[in-house]
Amino acid sequence: MSNARNTDGSPRGTASREAAAAQVRGRGCAASRRLCAAVAIASAGLAAAGCSAVSRAAAASSATTPSVTARATTPAPTTAPPASPTAPTSVATTSLPTAPASAGPPAAVPTLGQPAGVFAHGQGFGQVKPSKIFNGGDPTGLVTQVVWRSWGGAQAVATGISDYVGPGQTVAGGKEEPATVVAFNLGICDGKLMYRSVEWYFPQHKQAFDPGHYEDICTGTYVPAS
């Protein structure tokens, strides 16, 4: 059997084996490159998918989770209660007149006598400042339009109209003229304060007040007795 050799002097079988091995290595490298490219592509795809998934997760998170924006909290304005007016330290006061601490009962007001005795059916007796006085007798015992100039003192004086009968005249011949009325003798009668005497006269006829000639309007009699 001949021992064939290759052109480089190596046995022919050896060159074939080496060529086959080189071819195999070439195919192996090509396969490795394809494998590496596939791995790279797969890795890039996985990376892209991962990024996409992460992006989708982040978007979902941002969609479902309300964003919190930091805001400066401004305290609500507080309204201070209105300041209450301060009472002045000193208030000017006006002194008012005050009633006496021990004011007694009001003073009694006297009346013009009382209807008693022959004057029981008269007019004006037992009254305060009567405007008409009548002793119940004839027209000379009537005084109308009585206006009192004073009341409450020792004497009370008034003017009025009465029937004047001159000397030598009858009552029927008398006429009405101005008269002066005097109530006097102020005191207590039957437990009441009153003027116990009264008299009227005509100053224009030179008559004057006579305290010894009057009507006793406490007992209802004439003084002096007629």
Protein backbone atom coordinates (compact mmCIF):
# COMPACT_ATOMS: atom_id res chain seq x y z
CA MET A 1 0.00 0.00 0.00
CA SER A 2 1.35 3.37 -1.09
CA ASN A 3 1.75 6.06 1.44
CA ALA A 4 0.24 9.06 -0.40
CA ARG A 5 1.28 12.52 0.67
CA ASN A 6 0.04 15.92 0.15
CA THR A 7 1.82 18.66 -1.73
CA ASP A 8 3.20 20.07 1.50
CA GLY A 9 4.70 16.69 2.26
CA SER A 10 2.21 15.68 4.91
CA PRO A 11 0.34 12.50 4.54
CA ARG A 12 -2.80 12.93 2.43
CA GLY A 13 -5.03 11.62 5.04
CA THR A 14 -3.67 14.04 7.53
CA ALA A 15 -4.45 17.02 5.35
CA SER A 16 -7.95 15.80 4.81
CA ARG A 17 -8.46 15.46 8.49
CA GLU A 18 -7.12 18.89 9.16
CA ALA A 19 -9.23 20.38 6.44
CA ALA A 20 -12.24 18.68 7.85
CA ALA A 21 -11.35 19.92 11.28
CA ALA A 22 -10.90 23.46 9.97
CA GLN A 23 -14.20 23.25 8.20
CA VAL A 24 -15.78 22.05 11.37
CA ARG A 25 -14.14 24.84 13.28
CA GLY A 26 -15.36 27.31 10.70
CA ARG A 27 -18.86 26.00 10.96
CA GLY A 28 -18.50 26.03 14.72
CA CYS A 29 -17.35 29.67 14.69
CA ALA A 30 -20.17 30.61 12.32
CA ALA A 31 -22.61 28.80 14.52
CA SER A 32 -21.09 30.46 17.53
CA ARG A 33 -21.43 33.85 15.84
CA ARG A 34 -25.03 33.12 15.00
CA LEU A 35 -25.56 31.91 18.55
CA CYS A 36 -23.89 35.03 19.94
CA ALA A 37 -26.02 37.22 17.67
CA ALA A 38 -29.13 35.38 18.75
CA VAL A 39 -28.14 35.72 22.36
CA ALA A 40 -27.44 39.43 21.83
CA ILE A 41 -30.76 39.90 20.07
CA ALA A 42 -32.52 37.95 22.78
CA SER A 43 -30.78 39.98 25.43
CA ALA A 44 -31.71 43.20 23.66
CA GLY A 45 -35.30 41.99 23.35
CA LEU A 46 -35.39 41.05 26.98
CA ALA A 47 -33.90 44.39 27.91
CA ALA A 48 -36.37 46.20 25.69
CA ALA A 49 -39.22 44.15 27.10
CA GLY A 50 -38.01 44.79 30.58
CA CYS A 51 -37.78 48.54 29.92
CA SER A 52 -41.22 48.49 28.31
CA ALA A 53 -42.62 46.58 31.26
CA VAL A 54 -41.00 48.94 33.66
CA SER A 55 -42.34 51.90 31.68
CA ARG A 56 -45.83 50.40 31.66
CA ALA A 57 -45.62 49.70 35.40
CA ALA A 58 -44.47 53.24 36.06
CA ALA A 59 -47.28 54.64 33.88
CA ALA A 60 -49.82 52.49 35.65
CA SER A 61 -48.46 53.56 38.99
CA SER A 62 -48.65 57.22 37.99
CA ALA A 63 -52.20 56.72 36.73
CA THR A 64 -53.48 55.01 39.85
CA THR A 65 -51.53 56.91 42.45
CA PRO A 66 -52.57 60.55 42.86
CA SER A 67 -49.63 62.80 42.65
CA VAL A 68 -48.86 64.61 45.81
CA THR A 69 -47.78 68.13 45.28
CA ALA A 70 -46.14 69.81 48.19
CA ARG A 71 -48.03 72.99 48.96
CA ALA A 72 -47.29 75.56 51.51
CA THR A 73 -50.09 75.39 54.03
CA THR A 74 -51.39 78.86 54.67
CA PRO A 75 -53.15 79.09 58.01
CA ALA A 76 -56.71 80.29 57.70
CA PRO A 77 -57.04 83.89 58.71
CA THR A 78 -58.33 84.16 62.19
CA THR A 79 -60.72 86.93 63.02
CA ALA A 80 -59.93 88.44 66.33
CA PRO A 81 -63.07 89.13 68.40
CA PRO A 82 -63.90 92.80 68.55
CA ALA A 83 -62.32 94.42 71.47
CA SER A 84 -64.91 95.12 74.11
CA PRO A 85 -65.18 98.78 74.91
CA THR A 86 -63.36 99.62 78.02
CA ALA A 87 -65.48 101.38 80.53
CA PRO A 88 -64.09 104.79 81.38
CA THR A 89 -62.39 104.89 84.69
CA SER A 90 -64.38 107.86 85.77
CA VAL A 91 -67.86 108.79 84.57
CA ALA A 92 -69.21 112.23 85.17
CA THR A 93 -72.52 111.93 86.92
CA THR A 94 -75.17 114.53 87.49
CA SER A 95 -76.42 114.75 90.99
CA LEU A 96 -80.16 114.47 91.14
CA PRO A 97 -82.18 115.83 93.98
CA THR A 98 -83.16 113.05 96.30
CA ALA A 99 -86.09 112.88 98.63
CA PRO A 100 -85.30 113.24 102.32
CA ALA A 101 -84.33 109.96 103.90
CA SER A 102 -87.13 110.19 106.45
CA ALA A 103 -89.98 111.78 104.51
CA GLY A 104 -93.13 111.78 106.59
CA PRO A 105 -96.70 111.48 105.33
CA PRO A 106 -97.95 114.37 103.18
CA ALA A 107 -99.39 117.27 105.13
CA ALA A 108 -103.14 117.25 105.43
CA VAL A 109 -105.04 119.83 103.37
CA PRO A 110 -107.74 121.67 105.37
CA THR A 111 -111.34 121.81 104.24
CA LEU A 112 -113.84 124.64 104.61
CA GLY A 113 -115.49 123.38 107.81
CA GLN A 114 -118.02 120.62 107.51
CA PRO A 115 -121.76 120.32 106.84
CA ALA A 116 -123.14 120.40 110.37
CA GLY A 117 -125.88 122.10 112.44
CA VAL A 118 -127.85 124.73 110.57
CA PHE A 119 -125.37 124.40 107.68
CA ALA A 120 -125.89 120.63 107.27
CA HIS A 121 -127.75 121.20 104.00
CA GLY A 122 -125.49 123.98 102.77
CA GLN A 123 -122.99 123.86 99.88
CA GLY A 124 -119.19 124.03 99.82
CA PHE A 125 -118.69 122.93 103.44
CA GLY A 126 -116.31 120.02 103.91
CA GLN A 127 -114.61 120.84 100.58
CA VAL A 128 -111.18 122.19 99.63
CA LYS A 129 -111.36 125.58 97.86
CA PRO A 130 -115.09 125.41 97.02
CA SER A 131 -116.28 127.67 94.21
CA LYS A 132 -119.69 128.15 95.82
CA ILE A 133 -120.68 128.67 99.45
CA PHE A 134 -124.25 128.55 100.71
CA ASN A 135 -125.37 128.34 104.33
CA GLY A 136 -128.89 127.21 103.40
CA GLY A 137 -130.69 130.44 104.35
CA ASP A 138 -131.72 133.48 102.34
CA PRO A 139 -129.80 134.96 99.34
CA THR A 140 -127.49 136.89 101.69
CA GLY A 141 -126.04 133.51 102.73
CA LEU A 142 -124.98 132.63 99.16
CA VAL A 143 -121.60 133.42 97.57
CA THR A 144 -120.93 132.36 93.97
CA GLN A 145 -117.95 132.58 91.61
CA VAL A 146 -115.58 132.11 94.54
CA VAL A 147 -111.89 132.40 93.61
CA TRP A 148 -109.40 131.67 96.38
CA ARG A 149 -106.23 133.76 96.52
CA SER A 150 -104.70 131.62 99.28
CA TRP A 151 -105.29 128.31 101.03
CA GLY A 152 -103.64 126.32 103.79
CA GLY A 153 -102.36 129.20 105.97
CA ALA A 154 -103.86 130.63 109.15
CA GLN A 155 -106.41 132.35 106.93
CA ALA A 156 -107.68 131.67 103.40
CA VAL A 157 -108.94 134.65 101.39
CA ALA A 158 -111.16 134.67 98.30
CA THR A 159 -113.40 136.94 96.22
CA GLY A 160 -116.91 136.16 95.02
CA ILE A 161 -120.39 137.56 94.33
CA SER A 162 -123.06 137.81 97.05
CA ASP A 163 -126.32 139.68 97.74
CA TYR A 164 -125.75 143.05 99.44
CA VAL A 165 -128.53 144.46 101.57
CA GLY A 166 -127.91 148.02 102.69
CA PRO A 167 -129.09 149.69 105.87
CA GLY A 168 -132.91 149.99 105.95
CA GLN A 169 -133.32 147.63 103.04
CA THR A 170 -135.14 144.33 102.96
CA VAL A 171 -133.62 141.18 101.61
CA ALA A 172 -135.84 141.47 98.60
CA GLY A 173 -134.22 144.85 97.88
CA GLY A 174 -130.70 143.54 97.91
CA LYS A 175 -128.45 143.22 94.86
CA GLU A 176 -125.48 141.12 93.89
CA GLU A 177 -122.10 142.76 94.40
CA PRO A 178 -118.43 141.68 94.78
CA ALA A 179 -117.63 140.34 98.24
CA THR A 180 -114.50 139.25 100.11
CA VAL A 181 -114.52 135.85 101.78
CA VAL A 182 -112.27 134.98 104.74
CA ALA A 183 -111.91 131.43 106.15
CA PHE A 184 -110.05 131.36 109.48
CA ASN A 185 -109.73 129.66 112.87
CA LEU A 186 -107.69 126.82 111.37
CA GLY A 187 -107.65 123.74 113.59
CA ILE A 188 -108.91 120.26 114.31
CA CYS A 189 -112.63 119.55 114.48
CA ASP A 190 -113.97 116.01 114.92
CA GLY A 191 -110.46 114.71 114.17
CA LYS A 192 -110.16 116.62 110.85
CA LEU A 193 -108.14 119.67 109.89
CA MET A 194 -110.40 122.48 108.71
CA TYR A 195 -111.14 126.19 108.74
CA ARG A 196 -113.69 126.28 111.55
CA SER A 197 -115.02 129.76 110.78
CA VAL A 198 -115.97 131.77 107.68
CA GLU A 199 -117.26 135.31 107.00
CA TRP A 200 -117.76 137.56 103.93
CA TYR A 201 -118.23 141.29 103.62
CA PHE A 202 -118.35 144.21 101.15
CA PRO A 203 -115.25 146.44 101.34
CA GLN A 204 -116.75 148.91 98.82
CA HIS A 205 -119.42 149.71 101.42
CA LYS A 206 -116.81 150.41 104.07
CA GLN A 207 -117.26 147.01 105.65
CA ALA A 208 -114.23 145.18 107.17
CA PHE A 209 -113.44 141.74 108.41
CA ASP A 210 -114.84 141.20 111.94
CA PRO A 211 -113.38 138.04 113.62
CA GLY A 212 -116.09 138.33 116.32
CA HIS A 213 -118.93 137.94 113.84
CA TYR A 214 -118.85 134.73 111.75
CA GLU A 215 -120.36 131.34 110.98
CA ASP A 216 -118.97 128.48 113.08
CA ILE A 217 -118.70 125.81 110.42
CA CYS A 218 -117.36 123.20 112.85
CA THR A 219 -120.51 123.07 114.98
CA GLY A 220 -122.94 124.59 112.44
CA THR A 221 -123.92 127.73 114.37
CA TYR A 222 -123.78 131.55 114.06
CA VAL A 223 -121.51 133.69 116.25
CA PRO A 224 -122.89 135.67 117.88
CA ALA A 225 -126.06 133.68 117.97
CA SER A 226 -128.91 135.38 116.24
